[in-house]
Amino acid sequence: MNEELVADIWTLLKPFLDKKQVELAAEKYVDTLIDYGMDDTQLQDILGIDKDLDYAITYYLEMDEVDIDEEDWDE
């Protein structure tokens, strides 16, 4: 998936979102990107486009690290 396209879509849609729901929408957007195969490296390449999107990406990446750490404990 092209990171530039992903950033453009978010930038295009954000002004139409309810201001109270932008953070949740950013999280759902990141979830959708992951569902469609975007990997952590590609997400990191998008950082810096928008503060709300950055927050959602950072949150996902931190949660992903926690999930990996928990898997290590199961072994």
PDB file of N, CA and C in Angstrom:
ATOM      1  N   MET A   1       0.848  -1.170   0.000  1.00  0.00           N
ATOM      2  CA  MET A   1       0.000   0.000   0.000  1.00  0.00           C
ATOM      3  C   MET A   1       0.901   1.242   0.000  1.00  0.00           C
ATOM      4  N   ASN A   2       0.576   2.202  -0.780  1.00  0.00           N
ATOM      5  CA  ASN A   2       1.355   3.419  -0.936  1.00  0.00           C
ATOM      6  C   ASN A   2       1.115   4.360   0.252  1.00  0.00           C
ATOM      7  N   GLU A   3       2.190   4.704   0.974  1.00  0.00           N
ATOM      8  CA  GLU A   3       2.079   5.547   2.159  1.00  0.00           C
ATOM      9  C   GLU A   3       1.574   6.949   1.808  1.00  0.00           C
ATOM     10  N   GLU A   4       1.964   7.440   0.653  1.00  0.00           N
ATOM     11  CA  GLU A   4       1.522   8.772   0.226  1.00  0.00           C
ATOM     12  C   GLU A   4       0.011   8.796   0.011  1.00  0.00           C
ATOM     13  N   LEU A   5      -0.520   7.757  -0.590  1.00  0.00           N
ATOM     14  CA  LEU A   5      -1.962   7.659  -0.805  1.00  0.00           C
ATOM     15  C   LEU A   5      -2.701   7.595   0.530  1.00  0.00           C
ATOM     16  N   VAL A   6      -2.176   6.814   1.451  1.00  0.00           N
ATOM     17  CA  VAL A   6      -2.787   6.678   2.778  1.00  0.00           C
ATOM     18  C   VAL A   6      -2.839   8.031   3.471  1.00  0.00           C
ATOM     19  N   ALA A   7      -1.743   8.774   3.413  1.00  0.00           N
ATOM     20  CA  ALA A   7      -1.686  10.101   4.029  1.00  0.00           C
ATOM     21  C   ALA A   7      -2.652  11.066   3.342  1.00  0.00           C
ATOM     22  N   ASP A   8      -2.727  11.006   2.034  1.00  0.00           N
ATOM     23  CA  ASP A   8      -3.628  11.885   1.292  1.00  0.00           C
ATOM     24  C   ASP A   8      -5.093  11.615   1.636  1.00  0.00           C
ATOM     25  N   ILE A   9      -5.449  10.356   1.756  1.00  0.00           N
ATOM     26  CA  ILE A   9      -6.835  10.003   2.100  1.00  0.00           C
ATOM     27  C   ILE A   9      -7.187  10.554   3.477  1.00  0.00           C
ATOM     28  N   TRP A  10      -6.296  10.356   4.456  1.00  0.00           N
ATOM     29  CA  TRP A  10      -6.564  10.860   5.799  1.00  0.00           C
ATOM     30  C   TRP A  10      -6.698  12.386   5.783  1.00  0.00           C
ATOM     31  N   THR A  11      -5.791  13.062   5.102  1.00  0.00           N
ATOM     32  CA  THR A  11      -5.804  14.520   5.035  1.00  0.00           C
ATOM     33  C   THR A  11      -7.072  15.034   4.357  1.00  0.00           C
ATOM     34  N   LEU A  12      -7.547  14.302   3.384  1.00  0.00           N
ATOM     35  CA  LEU A  12      -8.768  14.674   2.676  1.00  0.00           C
ATOM     36  C   LEU A  12     -10.007  14.491   3.557  1.00  0.00           C
ATOM     37  N   LEU A  13     -10.064  13.395   4.297  1.00  0.00           N
ATOM     38  CA  LEU A  13     -11.260  13.071   5.080  1.00  0.00           C
ATOM     39  C   LEU A  13     -11.343  13.788   6.422  1.00  0.00           C
ATOM     40  N   LYS A  14     -10.226  14.072   7.049  1.00  0.00           N
ATOM     41  CA  LYS A  14     -10.223  14.616   8.404  1.00  0.00           C
ATOM     42  C   LYS A  14     -11.084  15.865   8.584  1.00  0.00           C
ATOM     43  N   PRO A  15     -11.056  16.826   7.670  1.00  0.00           N
ATOM     44  CA  PRO A  15     -11.875  18.031   7.881  1.00  0.00           C
ATOM     45  C   PRO A  15     -13.379  17.760   7.950  1.00  0.00           C
ATOM     46  N   PHE A  16     -13.818  16.623   7.447  1.00  0.00           N
ATOM     47  CA  PHE A  16     -15.235  16.296   7.433  1.00  0.00           C
ATOM     48  C   PHE A  16     -15.670  15.505   8.667  1.00  0.00           C
ATOM     49  N   LEU A  17     -14.721  15.160   9.527  1.00  0.00           N
ATOM     50  CA  LEU A  17     -15.029  14.383  10.722  1.00  0.00           C
ATOM     51  C   LEU A  17     -15.469  15.288  11.853  1.00  0.00           C
ATOM     52  N   ASP A  18     -16.346  14.760  12.700  1.00  0.00           N
ATOM     53  CA  ASP A  18     -16.739  15.456  13.919  1.00  0.00           C
ATOM     54  C   ASP A  18     -15.495  15.608  14.790  1.00  0.00           C
ATOM     55  N   LYS A  19     -15.226  16.812  15.252  1.00  0.00           N
ATOM     56  CA  LYS A  19     -13.996  17.094  16.009  1.00  0.00           C
ATOM     57  C   LYS A  19     -13.865  16.204  17.240  1.00  0.00           C
ATOM     58  N   LYS A  20     -14.984  15.819  17.830  1.00  0.00           N
ATOM     59  CA  LYS A  20     -14.957  14.959  19.016  1.00  0.00           C
ATOM     60  C   LYS A  20     -14.600  13.513  18.681  1.00  0.00           C
ATOM     61  N   GLN A  21     -14.688  13.159  17.412  1.00  0.00           N
ATOM     62  CA  GLN A  21     -14.488  11.781  16.988  1.00  0.00           C
ATOM     63  C   GLN A  21     -13.200  11.565  16.187  1.00  0.00           C
ATOM     64  N   VAL A  22     -12.396  12.597  16.017  1.00  0.00           N
ATOM     65  CA  VAL A  22     -11.198  12.500  15.176  1.00  0.00           C
ATOM     66  C   VAL A  22     -10.232  11.450  15.715  1.00  0.00           C
ATOM     67  N   GLU A  23     -10.012  11.442  17.026  1.00  0.00           N
ATOM     68  CA  GLU A  23      -9.068  10.489  17.603  1.00  0.00           C
ATOM     69  C   GLU A  23      -9.529   9.046  17.371  1.00  0.00           C
ATOM     70  N   LEU A  24     -10.801   8.783  17.604  1.00  0.00           N
ATOM     71  CA  LEU A  24     -11.354   7.451  17.373  1.00  0.00           C
ATOM     72  C   LEU A  24     -11.296   7.086  15.887  1.00  0.00           C
ATOM     73  N   ALA A  25     -11.602   8.048  15.028  1.00  0.00           N
ATOM     74  CA  ALA A  25     -11.549   7.799  13.588  1.00  0.00           C
ATOM     75  C   ALA A  25     -10.120   7.466  13.154  1.00  0.00           C
ATOM     76  N   ALA A  26      -9.145   8.148  13.723  1.00  0.00           N
ATOM     77  CA  ALA A  26      -7.744   7.864  13.382  1.00  0.00           C
ATOM     78  C   ALA A  26      -7.374   6.450  13.807  1.00  0.00           C
ATOM     79  N   GLU A  27      -7.827   6.032  14.987  1.00  0.00           N
ATOM     80  CA  GLU A  27      -7.544   4.666  15.442  1.00  0.00           C
ATOM     81  C   GLU A  27      -8.184   3.635  14.520  1.00  0.00           C
ATOM     82  N   LYS A  28      -9.414   3.888  14.119  1.00  0.00           N
ATOM     83  CA  LYS A  28     -10.114   2.960  13.209  1.00  0.00           C
ATOM     84  C   LYS A  28      -9.437   2.952  11.833  1.00  0.00           C
ATOM     85  N   TYR A  29      -8.953   4.086  11.404  1.00  0.00           N
ATOM     86  CA  TYR A  29      -8.253   4.183  10.124  1.00  0.00           C
ATOM     87  C   TYR A  29      -6.986   3.331  10.170  1.00  0.00           C
ATOM     88  N   VAL A  30      -6.227   3.445  11.251  1.00  0.00           N
ATOM     89  CA  VAL A  30      -5.012   2.639  11.402  1.00  0.00           C
ATOM     90  C   VAL A  30      -5.372   1.157  11.455  1.00  0.00           C
ATOM     91  N   ASP A  31      -6.423   0.808  12.187  1.00  0.00           N
ATOM     92  CA  ASP A  31      -6.866  -0.589  12.233  1.00  0.00           C
ATOM     93  C   ASP A  31      -7.177  -1.112  10.835  1.00  0.00           C
ATOM     94  N   THR A  32      -7.842  -0.301  10.038  1.00  0.00           N
ATOM     95  CA  THR A  32      -8.192  -0.693   8.675  1.00  0.00           C
ATOM     96  C   THR A  32      -6.937  -0.872   7.821  1.00  0.00           C
ATOM     97  N   LEU A  33      -5.979   0.030   7.975  1.00  0.00           N
ATOM     98  CA  LEU A  33      -4.720  -0.098   7.238  1.00  0.00           C
ATOM     99  C   LEU A  33      -4.025  -1.408   7.582  1.00  0.00           C
ATOM    100  N   ILE A  34      -4.015  -1.757   8.850  1.00  0.00           N
ATOM    101  CA  ILE A  34      -3.404  -3.018   9.295  1.00  0.00           C
ATOM    102  C   ILE A  34      -4.165  -4.201   8.693  1.00  0.00           C
ATOM    103  N   ASP A  35      -5.493  -4.135   8.721  1.00  0.00           N
ATOM    104  CA  ASP A  35      -6.310  -5.216   8.154  1.00  0.00           C
ATOM    105  C   ASP A  35      -6.018  -5.432   6.666  1.00  0.00           C
ATOM    106  N   TYR A  36      -5.650  -4.361   5.973  1.00  0.00           N
ATOM    107  CA  TYR A  36      -5.358  -4.467   4.545  1.00  0.00           C
ATOM    108  C   TYR A  36      -3.884  -4.703   4.253  1.00  0.00           C
ATOM    109  N   GLY A  37      -3.113  -5.043   5.294  1.00  0.00           N
ATOM    110  CA  GLY A  37      -1.759  -5.509   5.063  1.00  0.00           C
ATOM    111  C   GLY A  37      -0.632  -4.515   5.262  1.00  0.00           C
ATOM    112  N   MET A  38      -0.924  -3.348   5.784  1.00  0.00           N
ATOM    113  CA  MET A  38       0.160  -2.387   6.019  1.00  0.00           C
ATOM    114  C   MET A  38       0.978  -2.867   7.215  1.00  0.00           C
ATOM    115  N   ASP A  39       2.291  -2.834   7.069  1.00  0.00           N
ATOM    116  CA  ASP A  39       3.143  -3.307   8.165  1.00  0.00           C
ATOM    117  C   ASP A  39       3.664  -2.136   8.999  1.00  0.00           C
ATOM    118  N   ASP A  40       4.351  -2.462  10.092  1.00  0.00           N
ATOM    119  CA  ASP A  40       4.826  -1.453  11.030  1.00  0.00           C
ATOM    120  C   ASP A  40       5.767  -0.444  10.382  1.00  0.00           C
ATOM    121  N   THR A  41       6.621  -0.907   9.489  1.00  0.00           N
ATOM    122  CA  THR A  41       7.556  -0.014   8.819  1.00  0.00           C
ATOM    123  C   THR A  41       6.822   1.013   7.968  1.00  0.00           C
ATOM    124  N   GLN A  42       5.808   0.574   7.270  1.00  0.00           N
ATOM    125  CA  GLN A  42       5.024   1.500   6.453  1.00  0.00           C
ATOM    126  C   GLN A  42       4.291   2.508   7.327  1.00  0.00           C
ATOM    127  N   LEU A  43       3.775   2.046   8.463  1.00  0.00           N
ATOM    128  CA  LEU A  43       3.112   2.962   9.388  1.00  0.00           C
ATOM    129  C   LEU A  43       4.092   4.018   9.892  1.00  0.00           C
ATOM    130  N   GLN A  44       5.295   3.596  10.212  1.00  0.00           N
ATOM    131  CA  GLN A  44       6.301   4.551  10.688  1.00  0.00           C
ATOM    132  C   GLN A  44       6.627   5.595   9.622  1.00  0.00           C
ATOM    133  N   ASP A  45       6.548   5.209   8.362  1.00  0.00           N
ATOM    134  CA  ASP A  45       6.813   6.149   7.270  1.00  0.00           C
ATOM    135  C   ASP A  45       5.746   7.240   7.174  1.00  0.00           C
ATOM    136  N   ILE A  46       4.572   6.980   7.705  1.00  0.00           N
ATOM    137  CA  ILE A  46       3.471   7.946   7.652  1.00  0.00           C
ATOM    138  C   ILE A  46       3.564   8.959   8.802  1.00  0.00           C
ATOM    139  N   LEU A  47       4.299   8.628   9.855  1.00  0.00           N
ATOM    140  CA  LEU A  47       4.419   9.538  10.995  1.00  0.00           C
ATOM    141  C   LEU A  47       4.861  10.926  10.544  1.00  0.00           C
ATOM    142  N   GLY A  48       4.264  11.941  11.145  1.00  0.00           N
ATOM    143  CA  GLY A  48       4.609  13.323  10.823  1.00  0.00           C
ATOM    144  C   GLY A  48       3.615  14.007   9.907  1.00  0.00           C
ATOM    145  N   ILE A  49       2.638  13.272   9.419  1.00  0.00           N
ATOM    146  CA  ILE A  49       1.637  13.842   8.514  1.00  0.00           C
ATOM    147  C   ILE A  49       0.598  14.642   9.290  1.00  0.00           C
ATOM    148  N   ASP A  50       0.144  14.067  10.409  1.00  0.00           N
ATOM    149  CA  ASP A  50      -0.946  14.665  11.179  1.00  0.00           C
ATOM    150  C   ASP A  50      -0.826  14.205  12.624  1.00  0.00           C
ATOM    151  N   LYS A  51      -1.054  15.096  13.583  1.00  0.00           N
ATOM    152  CA  LYS A  51      -0.860  14.748  14.989  1.00  0.00           C
ATOM    153  C   LYS A  51      -1.838  13.673  15.467  1.00  0.00           C
ATOM    154  N   ASP A  52      -3.080  13.713  15.014  1.00  0.00           N
ATOM    155  CA  ASP A  52      -4.049  12.707  15.426  1.00  0.00           C
ATOM    156  C   ASP A  52      -3.712  11.340  14.842  1.00  0.00           C
ATOM    157  N   LEU A  53      -3.294  11.331  13.613  1.00  0.00           N
ATOM    158  CA  LEU A  53      -2.891  10.086  12.978  1.00  0.00           C
ATOM    159  C   LEU A  53      -1.603   9.562  13.623  1.00  0.00           C
ATOM    160  N   ASP A  54      -0.685  10.471  13.935  1.00  0.00           N
ATOM    161  CA  ASP A  54       0.550  10.070  14.627  1.00  0.00           C
ATOM    162  C   ASP A  54       0.244   9.391  15.952  1.00  0.00           C
ATOM    163  N   TYR A  55      -0.695   9.964  16.702  1.00  0.00           N
ATOM    164  CA  TYR A  55      -1.070   9.387  17.991  1.00  0.00           C
ATOM    165  C   TYR A  55      -1.610   7.974  17.810  1.00  0.00           C
ATOM    166  N   ALA A  56      -2.482   7.781  16.835  1.00  0.00           N
ATOM    167  CA  ALA A  56      -3.079   6.466  16.596  1.00  0.00           C
ATOM    168  C   ALA A  56      -2.022   5.450  16.158  1.00  0.00           C
ATOM    169  N   ILE A  57      -1.103   5.874  15.313  1.00  0.00           N
ATOM    170  CA  ILE A  57      -0.036   4.975  14.844  1.00  0.00           C
ATOM    171  C   ILE A  57       0.880   4.613  16.000  1.00  0.00           C
ATOM    172  N   THR A  58       1.280   5.605  16.783  1.00  0.00           N
ATOM    173  CA  THR A  58       2.159   5.363  17.928  1.00  0.00           C
ATOM    174  C   THR A  58       1.490   4.420  18.920  1.00  0.00           C
ATOM    175  N   TYR A  59       0.214   4.643  19.166  1.00  0.00           N
ATOM    176  CA  TYR A  59      -0.535   3.764  20.070  1.00  0.00           C
ATOM    177  C   TYR A  59      -0.528   2.329  19.545  1.00  0.00           C
ATOM    178  N   TYR A  60      -0.797   2.157  18.272  1.00  0.00           N
ATOM    179  CA  TYR A  60      -0.797   0.819  17.684  1.00  0.00           C
ATOM    180  C   TYR A  60       0.579   0.167  17.796  1.00  0.00           C
ATOM    181  N   LEU A  61       1.614   0.908  17.449  1.00  0.00           N
ATOM    182  CA  LEU A  61       2.966   0.343  17.479  1.00  0.00           C
ATOM    183  C   LEU A  61       3.373  -0.050  18.899  1.00  0.00           C
ATOM    184  N   GLU A  62       3.000   0.748  19.892  1.00  0.00           N
ATOM    185  CA  GLU A  62       3.302   0.405  21.279  1.00  0.00           C
ATOM    186  C   GLU A  62       2.526  -0.827  21.713  1.00  0.00           C
ATOM    187  N   MET A  63       1.264  -0.925  21.319  1.00  0.00           N
ATOM    188  CA  MET A  63       0.456  -2.098  21.673  1.00  0.00           C
ATOM    189  C   MET A  63       0.997  -3.344  20.986  1.00  0.00           C
ATOM    190  N   ASP A  64       1.481  -3.187  19.766  1.00  0.00           N
ATOM    191  CA  ASP A  64       2.065  -4.303  19.035  1.00  0.00           C
ATOM    192  C   ASP A  64       3.308  -4.819  19.766  1.00  0.00           C
ATOM    193  N   GLU A  65       4.109  -3.912  20.308  1.00  0.00           N
ATOM    194  CA  GLU A  65       5.294  -4.311  21.072  1.00  0.00           C
ATOM    195  C   GLU A  65       4.897  -5.051  22.332  1.00  0.00           C
ATOM    196  N   VAL A  66       3.844  -4.608  22.998  1.00  0.00           N
ATOM    197  CA  VAL A  66       3.356  -5.272  24.209  1.00  0.00           C
ATOM    198  C   VAL A  66       2.890  -6.675  23.863  1.00  0.00           C
ATOM    199  N   ASP A  67       2.172  -6.820  22.746  1.00  0.00           N
ATOM    200  CA  ASP A  67       1.707  -8.141  22.320  1.00  0.00           C
ATOM    201  C   ASP A  67       2.879  -9.078  22.062  1.00  0.00           C
ATOM    202  N   ILE A  68       3.930  -8.581  21.457  1.00  0.00           N
ATOM    203  CA  ILE A  68       5.109  -9.405  21.179  1.00  0.00           C
ATOM    204  C   ILE A  68       5.757  -9.833  22.485  1.00  0.00           C
ATOM    205  N   ASP A  69       5.882  -8.906  23.431  1.00  0.00           N
ATOM    206  CA  ASP A  69       6.475  -9.222  24.725  1.00  0.00           C
ATOM    207  C   ASP A  69       5.661 -10.285  25.464  1.00  0.00           C
ATOM    208  N   GLU A  70       4.346 -10.197  25.401  1.00  0.00           N
ATOM    209  CA  GLU A  70       3.494 -11.177  26.061  1.00  0.00           C
ATOM    210  C   GLU A  70       3.648 -12.547  25.434  1.00  0.00           C
ATOM    211  N   GLU A  71       3.838 -12.609  24.125  1.00  0.00           N
ATOM    212  CA  GLU A  71       4.032 -13.883  23.455  1.00  0.00           C
ATOM    213  C   GLU A  71       5.324 -14.535  23.941  1.00  0.00           C
ATOM    214  N   ASP A  72       6.355 -13.748  24.202  1.00  0.00           N
ATOM    215  CA  ASP A  72       7.616 -14.293  24.706  1.00  0.00           C
ATOM    216  C   ASP A  72       7.433 -14.957  26.061  1.00  0.00           C
ATOM    217  N   TRP A  73       6.527 -14.443  26.872  1.00  0.00           N
ATOM    218  CA  TRP A  73       6.290 -15.023  28.195  1.00  0.00           C
ATOM    219  C   TRP A  73       5.600 -16.383  28.087  1.00  0.00           C
ATOM    220  N   ASP A  74       4.848 -16.594  27.026  1.00  0.00           N
ATOM    221  CA  ASP A  74       4.116 -17.846  26.868  1.00  0.00           C
ATOM    222  C   ASP A  74       5.022 -19.012  26.510  1.00  0.00           C
ATOM    223  N   GLU A  75       6.212 -18.742  26.048  1.00  0.00           N
ATOM    224  CA  GLU A  75       7.099 -19.815  25.573  1.00  0.00           C
ATOM    225  C   GLU A  75       7.753 -20.550  26.711  1.00  0.00           C
TER     226      GLU A  75
END
